PDB file of all heavy atoms in Angstrom:
ATOM      1  N   ASP A   1     118.311  16.590 122.526  1.00  0.00           N
ATOM      2  CA  ASP A   1     117.271  15.573 122.361  1.00  0.00           C
ATOM      3  C   ASP A   1     116.095  15.913 123.269  1.00  0.00           C
ATOM      4  O   ASP A   1     116.278  16.385 124.394  1.00  0.00           O
ATOM      5  CB  ASP A   1     117.791  14.182 122.745  1.00  0.00           C
ATOM      6  CG  ASP A   1     118.798  13.618 121.759  1.00  0.00           C
ATOM      7  OD1 ASP A   1     118.998  14.230 120.695  1.00  0.00           O
ATOM      8  OD2 ASP A   1     119.394  12.560 122.067  1.00  0.00           O
ATOM      9  N   SER A   2     114.881  15.665 122.773  1.00  0.00           N
ATOM     10  CA  SER A   2     113.702  15.908 123.605  1.00  0.00           C
ATOM     11  C   SER A   2     112.650  14.848 123.331  1.00  0.00           C
ATOM     12  O   SER A   2     112.679  14.173 122.300  1.00  0.00           O
ATOM     13  CB  SER A   2     113.133  17.305 123.361  1.00  0.00           C
ATOM     14  OG  SER A   2     112.622  17.417 122.051  1.00  0.00           O
ATOM     15  N   VAL A   3     111.732  14.728 124.272  1.00  0.00           N
ATOM     16  CA  VAL A   3     110.652  13.760 124.153  1.00  0.00           C
ATOM     17  C   VAL A   3     109.415  14.341 124.840  1.00  0.00           C
ATOM     18  O   VAL A   3     109.519  15.068 125.819  1.00  0.00           O
ATOM     19  CB  VAL A   3     111.061  12.390 124.779  1.00  0.00           C
ATOM     20  CG1 VAL A   3     111.293  12.508 126.274  1.00  0.00           C
ATOM     21  CG2 VAL A   3     110.051  11.309 124.476  1.00  0.00           C
ATOM     22  N   SER A   4     108.251  14.034 124.285  1.00  0.00           N
ATOM     23  CA  SER A   4     106.993  14.468 124.879  1.00  0.00           C
ATOM     24  C   SER A   4     106.321  13.267 125.531  1.00  0.00           C
ATOM     25  O   SER A   4     106.519  12.120 125.111  1.00  0.00           O
ATOM     26  CB  SER A   4     106.066  15.056 123.821  1.00  0.00           C
ATOM     27  OG  SER A   4     106.628  16.241 123.302  1.00  0.00           O
ATOM     28  N   THR A   5     105.522  13.542 126.542  1.00  0.00           N
ATOM     29  CA  THR A   5     104.886  12.463 127.277  1.00  0.00           C
ATOM     30  C   THR A   5     103.613  12.949 127.957  1.00  0.00           C
ATOM     31  O   THR A   5     103.376  14.153 128.058  1.00  0.00           O
ATOM     32  CB  THR A   5     105.866  11.867 128.322  1.00  0.00           C
ATOM     33  OG1 THR A   5     105.285  10.731 128.920  1.00  0.00           O
ATOM     34  CG2 THR A   5     106.222  12.899 129.380  1.00  0.00           C
ATOM     35  N   GLU A   6     102.801  12.004 128.388  1.00  0.00           N
ATOM     36  CA  GLU A   6     101.612  12.309 129.189  1.00  0.00           C
ATOM     37  C   GLU A   6     101.643  11.413 130.412  1.00  0.00           C
ATOM     38  O   GLU A   6     102.032  10.244 130.329  1.00  0.00           O
ATOM     39  CB  GLU A   6     100.334  12.025 128.398  1.00  0.00           C
ATOM     40  CG  GLU A   6     100.090  12.984 127.265  1.00  0.00           C
ATOM     41  CD  GLU A   6      98.743  12.759 126.587  1.00  0.00           C
ATOM     42  OE1 GLU A   6      97.756  12.426 127.299  1.00  0.00           O
ATOM     43  OE2 GLU A   6      98.685  12.904 125.362  1.00  0.00           O
ATOM     44  N   TYR A   7     101.228  11.960 131.539  1.00  0.00           N
ATOM     45  CA  TYR A   7     101.148  11.184 132.767  1.00  0.00           C
ATOM     46  C   TYR A   7     100.197  11.875 133.733  1.00  0.00           C
ATOM     47  O   TYR A   7      99.730  12.987 133.468  1.00  0.00           O
ATOM     48  CB  TYR A   7     102.524  10.959 133.397  1.00  0.00           C
ATOM     49  CG  TYR A   7     103.321  12.213 133.673  1.00  0.00           C
ATOM     50  CD1 TYR A   7     103.331  12.793 134.941  1.00  0.00           C
ATOM     51  CD2 TYR A   7     104.086  12.800 132.671  1.00  0.00           C
ATOM     52  CE1 TYR A   7     104.084  13.933 135.193  1.00  0.00           C
ATOM     53  CE2 TYR A   7     104.837  13.937 132.919  1.00  0.00           C
ATOM     54  CZ  TYR A   7     104.832  14.502 134.181  1.00  0.00           C
ATOM     55  OH  TYR A   7     105.567  15.623 134.428  1.00  0.00           O
ATOM     56  N   SER A   8      99.892  11.191 134.811  1.00  0.00           N
ATOM     57  CA  SER A   8      98.959  11.730 135.804  1.00  0.00           C
ATOM     58  C   SER A   8      99.617  11.754 137.171  1.00  0.00           C
ATOM     59  O   SER A   8     100.507  10.957 137.465  1.00  0.00           O
ATOM     60  CB  SER A   8      97.693  10.873 135.861  1.00  0.00           C
ATOM     61  OG  SER A   8      97.044  10.875 134.604  1.00  0.00           O
ATOM     62  N   VAL A   9      99.151  12.691 138.000  1.00  0.00           N
ATOM     63  CA  VAL A   9      99.618  12.796 139.379  1.00  0.00           C
ATOM     64  C   VAL A   9      98.411  12.836 140.307  1.00  0.00           C
ATOM     65  O   VAL A   9      97.326  13.265 139.915  1.00  0.00           O
ATOM     66  CB  VAL A   9     100.510  14.044 139.614  1.00  0.00           C
ATOM     67  CG1 VAL A   9     101.773  13.988 138.783  1.00  0.00           C
ATOM     68  CG2 VAL A   9      99.765  15.325 139.353  1.00  0.00           C
ATOM     69  N   ARG A  10      98.628  12.376 141.529  1.00  0.00           N
ATOM     70  CA  ARG A  10      97.594  12.452 142.558  1.00  0.00           C
ATOM     71  C   ARG A  10      98.147  13.291 143.704  1.00  0.00           C
ATOM     72  O   ARG A  10      99.155  12.953 144.306  1.00  0.00           O
ATOM     73  CB  ARG A  10      97.215  11.064 143.073  1.00  0.00           C
ATOM     74  CG  ARG A  10      96.079  11.091 144.096  1.00  0.00           C
ATOM     75  CD  ARG A  10      95.741   9.713 144.687  1.00  0.00           C
ATOM     76  NE  ARG A  10      95.694   8.650 143.702  1.00  0.00           N
ATOM     77  CZ  ARG A  10      94.598   8.319 142.993  1.00  0.00           C
ATOM     78  NH1 ARG A  10      93.492   8.980 143.158  1.00  0.00           N
ATOM     79  NH2 ARG A  10      94.650   7.328 142.122  1.00  0.00           N
ATOM     80  N   HIS A  11      97.460  14.402 143.981  1.00  0.00           N
ATOM     81  CA  HIS A  11      97.858  15.271 145.086  1.00  0.00           C
ATOM     82  C   HIS A  11      97.511  14.604 146.413  1.00  0.00           C
ATOM     83  O   HIS A  11      96.728  13.657 146.469  1.00  0.00           O
ATOM     84  CB  HIS A  11      97.143  16.618 144.983  1.00  0.00           C
ATOM     85  CG  HIS A  11      97.606  17.456 143.827  1.00  0.00           C
ATOM     86  ND1 HIS A  11      97.261  18.767 143.691  1.00  0.00           N
ATOM     87  CD2 HIS A  11      98.394  17.178 142.748  1.00  0.00           C
ATOM     88  CE1 HIS A  11      97.798  19.263 142.599  1.00  0.00           C
ATOM     89  NE2 HIS A  11      98.483  18.312 141.997  1.00  0.00           N
ATOM     90  N   ALA A  12      98.082  15.116 147.486  1.00  0.00           N
ATOM     91  CA  ALA A  12      97.853  14.562 148.823  1.00  0.00           C
ATOM     92  C   ALA A  12      96.374  14.582 149.193  1.00  0.00           C
ATOM     93  O   ALA A  12      95.900  13.696 149.912  1.00  0.00           O
ATOM     94  CB  ALA A  12      98.665  15.338 149.857  1.00  0.00           C
ATOM     95  N   ASP A  13      95.603  15.548 148.673  1.00  0.00           N
ATOM     96  CA  ASP A  13      94.165  15.630 148.979  1.00  0.00           C
ATOM     97  C   ASP A  13      93.325  14.734 148.076  1.00  0.00           C
ATOM     98  O   ASP A  13      92.104  14.754 148.130  1.00  0.00           O
ATOM     99  CB  ASP A  13      93.677  17.078 148.900  1.00  0.00           C
ATOM    100  CG  ASP A  13      93.777  17.660 147.493  1.00  0.00           C
ATOM    101  OD1 ASP A  13      94.163  16.946 146.541  1.00  0.00           O
ATOM    102  OD2 ASP A  13      93.462  18.871 147.346  1.00  0.00           O
ATOM    103  N   GLY A  14      93.984  13.951 147.199  1.00  0.00           N
ATOM    104  CA  GLY A  14      93.281  13.019 146.327  1.00  0.00           C
ATOM    105  C   GLY A  14      92.990  13.564 144.936  1.00  0.00           C
ATOM    106  O   GLY A  14      92.581  12.815 144.053  1.00  0.00           O
ATOM    107  N   GLU A  15      93.187  14.865 144.728  1.00  0.00           N
ATOM    108  CA  GLU A  15      92.924  15.466 143.425  1.00  0.00           C
ATOM    109  C   GLU A  15      93.875  14.870 142.382  1.00  0.00           C
ATOM    110  O   GLU A  15      95.062  14.696 142.631  1.00  0.00           O
ATOM    111  CB  GLU A  15      93.125  16.982 143.498  1.00  0.00           C
ATOM    112  CG  GLU A  15      92.872  17.669 142.176  1.00  0.00           C
ATOM    113  CD  GLU A  15      93.153  19.164 142.220  1.00  0.00           C
ATOM    114  OE1 GLU A  15      93.576  19.682 143.274  1.00  0.00           O
ATOM    115  OE2 GLU A  15      92.960  19.806 141.170  1.00  0.00           O
ATOM    116  N   ILE A  16      93.316  14.548 141.218  1.00  0.00           N
ATOM    117  CA  ILE A  16      94.107  13.972 140.124  1.00  0.00           C
ATOM    118  C   ILE A  16      94.304  15.030 139.049  1.00  0.00           C
ATOM    119  O   ILE A  16      93.360  15.719 138.661  1.00  0.00           O
ATOM    120  CB  ILE A  16      93.415  12.725 139.545  1.00  0.00           C
ATOM    121  CG1 ILE A  16      93.377  11.622 140.606  1.00  0.00           C
ATOM    122  CG2 ILE A  16      94.115  12.255 138.280  1.00  0.00           C
ATOM    123  CD1 ILE A  16      92.596  10.395 140.204  1.00  0.00           C
ATOM    124  N   ARG A  17      95.542  15.145 138.591  1.00  0.00           N
ATOM    125  CA  ARG A  17      95.879  16.073 137.504  1.00  0.00           C
ATOM    126  C   ARG A  17      96.493  15.283 136.355  1.00  0.00           C
ATOM    127  O   ARG A  17      97.291  14.375 136.574  1.00  0.00           O
ATOM    128  CB  ARG A  17      96.897  17.119 137.978  1.00  0.00           C
ATOM    129  CG  ARG A  17      96.445  18.005 139.098  1.00  0.00           C
ATOM    130  CD  ARG A  17      95.698  19.224 138.564  1.00  0.00           C
ATOM    131  NE  ARG A  17      95.351  20.133 139.630  1.00  0.00           N
ATOM    132  CZ  ARG A  17      96.012  21.250 139.907  1.00  0.00           C
ATOM    133  NH1 ARG A  17      97.059  21.585 139.197  1.00  0.00           N
ATOM    134  NH2 ARG A  17      95.602  22.023 140.878  1.00  0.00           N
ATOM    135  N   HIS A  18      96.106  15.648 135.155  1.00  0.00           N
ATOM    136  CA  HIS A  18      96.669  15.037 133.946  1.00  0.00           C
ATOM    137  C   HIS A  18      97.652  16.037 133.347  1.00  0.00           C
ATOM    138  O   HIS A  18      97.337  17.218 133.189  1.00  0.00           O
ATOM    139  CB  HIS A  18      95.566  14.683 132.951  1.00  0.00           C
ATOM    140  CG  HIS A  18      94.571  13.722 133.510  1.00  0.00           C
ATOM    141  ND1 HIS A  18      94.840  12.380 133.666  1.00  0.00           N
ATOM    142  CD2 HIS A  18      93.330  13.930 133.999  1.00  0.00           C
ATOM    143  CE1 HIS A  18      93.789  11.793 134.203  1.00  0.00           C
ATOM    144  NE2 HIS A  18      92.855  12.707 134.423  1.00  0.00           N
ATOM    145  N   ILE A  19      98.830  15.546 133.014  1.00  0.00           N
ATOM    146  CA  ILE A  19      99.918  16.411 132.580  1.00  0.00           C
ATOM    147  C   ILE A  19     100.413  16.004 131.199  1.00  0.00           C
ATOM    148  O   ILE A  19     100.596  14.813 130.922  1.00  0.00           O
ATOM    149  CB  ILE A  19     101.100  16.339 133.579  1.00  0.00           C
ATOM    150  CG1 ILE A  19     100.631  16.805 134.952  1.00  0.00           C
ATOM    151  CG2 ILE A  19     102.290  17.158 133.094  1.00  0.00           C
ATOM    152  CD1 ILE A  19     101.625  16.539 136.053  1.00  0.00           C
ATOM    153  N   ILE A  20     100.616  17.014 130.368  1.00  0.00           N
ATOM    154  CA  ILE A  20     101.356  16.829 129.119  1.00  0.00           C
ATOM    155  C   ILE A  20     102.728  17.427 129.400  1.00  0.00           C
ATOM    156  O   ILE A  20     102.827  18.564 129.888  1.00  0.00           O
ATOM    157  CB  ILE A  20     100.694  17.560 127.937  1.00  0.00           C
ATOM    158  CG1 ILE A  20      99.356  16.928 127.606  1.00  0.00           C
ATOM    159  CG2 ILE A  20     101.619  17.550 126.720  1.00  0.00           C
ATOM    160  CD1 ILE A  20      98.590  17.638 126.499  1.00  0.00           C
ATOM    161  N   GLY A  21     103.769  16.658 129.142  1.00  0.00           N
ATOM    162  CA  GLY A  21     105.106  17.129 129.461  1.00  0.00           C
ATOM    163  C   GLY A  21     106.054  17.029 128.293  1.00  0.00           C
ATOM    164  O   GLY A  21     105.848  16.245 127.366  1.00  0.00           O
ATOM    165  N   ASN A  22     107.071  17.847 128.356  1.00  0.00           N
ATOM    166  CA  ASN A  22     108.157  17.778 127.394  1.00  0.00           C
ATOM    167  C   ASN A  22     109.451  17.793 128.190  1.00  0.00           C
ATOM    168  O   ASN A  22     109.605  18.592 129.115  1.00  0.00           O
ATOM    169  CB  ASN A  22     108.117  18.963 126.423  1.00  0.00           C
ATOM    170  CG  ASN A  22     109.220  18.863 125.392  1.00  0.00           C
ATOM    171  OD1 ASN A  22     110.343  19.277 125.632  1.00  0.00           O
ATOM    172  ND2 ASN A  22     108.899  18.299 124.240  1.00  0.00           N
ATOM    173  N   ILE A  23     110.350  16.902 127.847  1.00  0.00           N
ATOM    174  CA  ILE A  23     111.630  16.791 128.549  1.00  0.00           C
ATOM    175  C   ILE A  23     112.734  16.977 127.515  1.00  0.00           C
ATOM    176  O   ILE A  23     112.683  16.403 126.421  1.00  0.00           O
ATOM    177  CB  ILE A  23     111.778  15.410 129.227  1.00  0.00           C
ATOM    178  CG1 ILE A  23     110.596  15.156 130.159  1.00  0.00           C
ATOM    179  CG2 ILE A  23     113.081  15.319 129.997  1.00  0.00           C
ATOM    180  CD1 ILE A  23     109.944  13.838 129.968  1.00  0.00           C
ATOM    181  N   LYS A  24     113.726  17.786 127.869  1.00  0.00           N
ATOM    182  CA  LYS A  24     114.836  18.037 126.951  1.00  0.00           C
ATOM    183  C   LYS A  24     116.146  17.880 127.710  1.00  0.00           C
ATOM    184  O   LYS A  24     116.277  18.353 128.834  1.00  0.00           O
ATOM    185  CB  LYS A  24     114.731  19.454 126.387  1.00  0.00           C
ATOM    186  CG  LYS A  24     115.749  19.773 125.321  1.00  0.00           C
ATOM    187  CD  LYS A  24     115.459  21.122 124.681  1.00  0.00           C
ATOM    188  CE  LYS A  24     116.385  21.374 123.505  1.00  0.00           C
ATOM    189  NZ  LYS A  24     116.043  22.611 122.818  1.00  0.00           N
ATOM    190  N   LEU A  25     117.101  17.208 127.084  1.00  0.00           N
ATOM    191  CA  LEU A  25     118.438  17.079 127.651  1.00  0.00           C
ATOM    192  C   LEU A  25     119.219  18.328 127.272  1.00  0.00           C
ATOM    193  O   LEU A  25     119.353  18.657 126.097  1.00  0.00           O
ATOM    194  CB  LEU A  25     119.140  15.823 127.133  1.00  0.00           C
ATOM    195  CG  LEU A  25     120.549  15.558 127.666  1.00  0.00           C
ATOM    196  CD1 LEU A  25     120.557  15.425 129.186  1.00  0.00           C
ATOM    197  CD2 LEU A  25     121.129  14.297 127.031  1.00  0.00           C
ATOM    198  N   MET A  26     119.698  19.037 128.280  1.00  0.00           N
ATOM    199  CA  MET A  26     120.391  20.301 128.075  1.00  0.00           C
ATOM    200  C   MET A  26     121.836  20.176 128.545  1.00  0.00           C
ATOM    201  O   MET A  26     122.152  19.311 129.362  1.00  0.00           O
ATOM    202  CB  MET A  26     119.717  21.420 128.881  1.00  0.00           C
ATOM    203  CG  MET A  26     118.240  21.607 128.602  1.00  0.00           C
ATOM    204  SD  MET A  26     117.928  22.355 127.024  1.00  0.00           S
ATOM    205  CE  MET A  26     118.489  24.014 127.332  1.00  0.00           C
ATOM    206  N   GLU A  27     122.677  21.074 128.043  1.00  0.00           N
ATOM    207  CA  GLU A  27     124.052  21.149 128.523  1.00  0.00           C
ATOM    208  C   GLU A  27     124.438  22.612 128.640  1.00  0.00           C
ATOM    209  O   GLU A  27     124.233  23.394 127.710  1.00  0.00           O
ATOM    210  CB  GLU A  27     125.015  20.433 127.579  1.00  0.00           C
ATOM    211  CG  GLU A  27     126.430  20.402 128.117  1.00  0.00           C
ATOM    212  CD  GLU A  27     127.353  19.493 127.329  1.00  0.00           C
ATOM    213  OE1 GLU A  27     126.924  18.897 126.324  1.00  0.00           O
ATOM    214  OE2 GLU A  27     128.520  19.361 127.719  1.00  0.00           O
ATOM    215  N   GLU A  28     124.955  22.972 129.803  1.00  0.00           N
ATOM    216  CA  GLU A  28     125.400  24.330 130.064  1.00  0.00           C
ATOM    217  C   GLU A  28     126.669  24.271 130.887  1.00  0.00           C
ATOM    218  O   GLU A  28     126.709  23.574 131.897  1.00  0.00           O
ATOM    219  CB  GLU A  28     124.315  25.079 130.860  1.00  0.00           C
ATOM    220  CG  GLU A  28     123.930  26.408 130.283  1.00  0.00           C
ATOM    221  CD  GLU A  28     122.747  27.006 131.010  1.00  0.00           C
ATOM    222  OE1 GLU A  28     122.883  27.302 132.216  1.00  0.00           O
ATOM    223  OE2 GLU A  28     121.694  27.170 130.378  1.00  0.00           O
ATOM    224  N   ASN A  29     127.682  24.976 130.462  1.00  0.00           N
ATOM    225  CA  ASN A  29     128.973  25.001 131.160  1.00  0.00           C
ATOM    226  C   ASN A  29     129.517  23.594 131.412  1.00  0.00           C
ATOM    227  O   ASN A  29     130.043  23.297 132.476  1.00  0.00           O
ATOM    228  CB  ASN A  29     128.846  25.765 132.486  1.00  0.00           C
ATOM    229  CG  ASN A  29     128.420  27.195 132.277  1.00  0.00           C
ATOM    230  OD1 ASN A  29     128.828  27.831 131.315  1.00  0.00           O
ATOM    231  ND2 ASN A  29     127.586  27.695 133.169  1.00  0.00           N
ATOM    232  N   GLY A  30     129.333  22.714 130.440  1.00  0.00           N
ATOM    233  CA  GLY A  30     129.856  21.362 130.541  1.00  0.00           C
ATOM    234  C   GLY A  30     129.019  20.417 131.405  1.00  0.00           C
ATOM    235  O   GLY A  30     129.340  19.249 131.525  1.00  0.00           O
ATOM    236  N   GLU A  31     127.926  20.912 132.003  1.00  0.00           N
ATOM    237  CA  GLU A  31     127.074  20.072 132.848  1.00  0.00           C
ATOM    238  C   GLU A  31     125.776  19.767 132.110  1.00  0.00           C
ATOM    239  O   GLU A  31     125.121  20.657 131.581  1.00  0.00           O
ATOM    240  CB  GLU A  31     126.747  20.794 134.164  1.00  0.00           C
ATOM    241  CG  GLU A  31     125.856  19.973 135.070  1.00  0.00           C
ATOM    242  CD  GLU A  31     125.419  20.720 136.323  1.00  0.00           C
ATOM    243  OE1 GLU A  31     125.793  21.882 136.506  1.00  0.00           O
ATOM    244  OE2 GLU A  31     124.681  20.121 137.111  1.00  0.00           O
ATOM    245  N   GLN A  32     125.421  18.488 132.077  1.00  0.00           N
ATOM    246  CA  GLN A  32     124.164  18.085 131.456  1.00  0.00           C
ATOM    247  C   GLN A  32     123.081  17.991 132.521  1.00  0.00           C
ATOM    248  O   GLN A  32     123.344  17.625 133.663  1.00  0.00           O
ATOM    249  CB  GLN A  32     124.315  16.745 130.745  1.00  0.00           C
ATOM    250  CG  GLN A  32     125.190  16.826 129.513  1.00  0.00           C
ATOM    251  CD  GLN A  32     125.219  15.528 128.733  1.00  0.00           C
ATOM    252  OE1 GLN A  32     124.691  14.501 129.151  1.00  0.00           O
ATOM    253  NE2 GLN A  32     125.850  15.560 127.567  1.00  0.00           N
ATOM    254  N   PHE A  33     121.846  18.314 132.105  1.00  0.00           N
ATOM    255  CA  PHE A  33     120.700  18.236 133.002  1.00  0.00           C
ATOM    256  C   PHE A  33     119.433  18.117 132.164  1.00  0.00           C
ATOM    257  O   PHE A  33     119.463  18.328 130.954  1.00  0.00           O
ATOM    258  CB  PHE A  33     120.634  19.470 133.921  1.00  0.00           C
ATOM    259  CG  PHE A  33     120.531  20.776 133.181  1.00  0.00           C
ATOM    260  CD1 PHE A  33     119.305  21.346 132.898  1.00  0.00           C
ATOM    261  CD2 PHE A  33     121.680  21.433 132.747  1.00  0.00           C
ATOM    262  CE1 PHE A  33     119.210  22.549 132.206  1.00  0.00           C
ATOM    263  CE2 PHE A  33     121.597  22.634 132.066  1.00  0.00           C
ATOM    264  CZ  PHE A  33     120.360  23.196 131.784  1.00  0.00           C
ATOM    265  N   TYR A  34     118.337  17.743 132.822  1.00  0.00           N
ATOM    266  CA  TYR A  34     117.052  17.656 132.142  1.00  0.00           C
ATOM    267  C   TYR A  34     116.255  18.919 132.420  1.00  0.00           C
ATOM    268  O   TYR A  34     116.165  19.362 133.564  1.00  0.00           O
ATOM    269  CB  TYR A  34     116.251  16.449 132.629  1.00  0.00           C
ATOM    270  CG  TYR A  34     116.886  15.126 132.287  1.00  0.00           C
ATOM    271  CD1 TYR A  34     117.410  14.307 133.282  1.00  0.00           C
ATOM    272  CD2 TYR A  34     116.962  14.686 130.966  1.00  0.00           C
ATOM    273  CE1 TYR A  34     117.991  13.094 132.971  1.00  0.00           C
ATOM    274  CE2 TYR A  34     117.545  13.463 130.653  1.00  0.00           C
ATOM    275  CZ  TYR A  34     118.057  12.677 131.658  1.00  0.00           C
ATOM    276  OH  TYR A  34     118.635  11.474 131.351  1.00  0.00           O
ATOM    277  N   GLN A  35     115.673  19.480 131.355  1.00  0.00           N
ATOM    278  CA  GLN A  35     114.758  20.601 131.500  1.00  0.00           C
ATOM    279  C   GLN A  35     113.380  20.068 131.129  1.00  0.00           C
ATOM    280  O   GLN A  35     113.205  19.481 130.060  1.00  0.00           O
ATOM    281  CB  GLN A  35     115.151  21.739 130.570  1.00  0.00           C
ATOM    282  CG  GLN A  35     114.273  22.966 130.703  1.00  0.00           C
ATOM    283  CD  GLN A  35     114.791  24.099 129.844  1.00  0.00           C
ATOM    284  OE1 GLN A  35     114.959  23.939 128.639  1.00  0.00           O
ATOM    285  NE2 GLN A  35     115.054  25.233 130.461  1.00  0.00           N
ATOM    286  N   ARG A  36     112.433  20.269 132.039  1.00  0.00           N
ATOM    287  CA  ARG A  36     111.104  19.708 131.829  1.00  0.00           C
ATOM    288  C   ARG A  36     110.041  20.792 131.877  1.00  0.00           C
ATOM    289  O   ARG A  36     110.097  21.691 132.700  1.00  0.00           O
ATOM    290  CB  ARG A  36     110.823  18.651 132.899  1.00  0.00           C
ATOM    291  CG  ARG A  36     111.792  17.484 132.786  1.00  0.00           C
ATOM    292  CD  ARG A  36     111.715  16.527 133.921  1.00  0.00           C
ATOM    293  NE  ARG A  36     110.381  15.988 134.116  1.00  0.00           N
ATOM    294  CZ  ARG A  36     110.087  15.115 135.076  1.00  0.00           C
ATOM    295  NH1 ARG A  36     111.012  14.698 135.910  1.00  0.00           N
ATOM    296  NH2 ARG A  36     108.866  14.663 135.207  1.00  0.00           N
TER     297      ARG A  36
END
């Protein structure tokens, strides 16, 4: 399963970045994790 999203971050120096992201639920060797 995967989902796309948009969000923003503010760096410590005040700089703002806009991000397009994709998140996917993965499974390897019986362990699940998120790959972003």
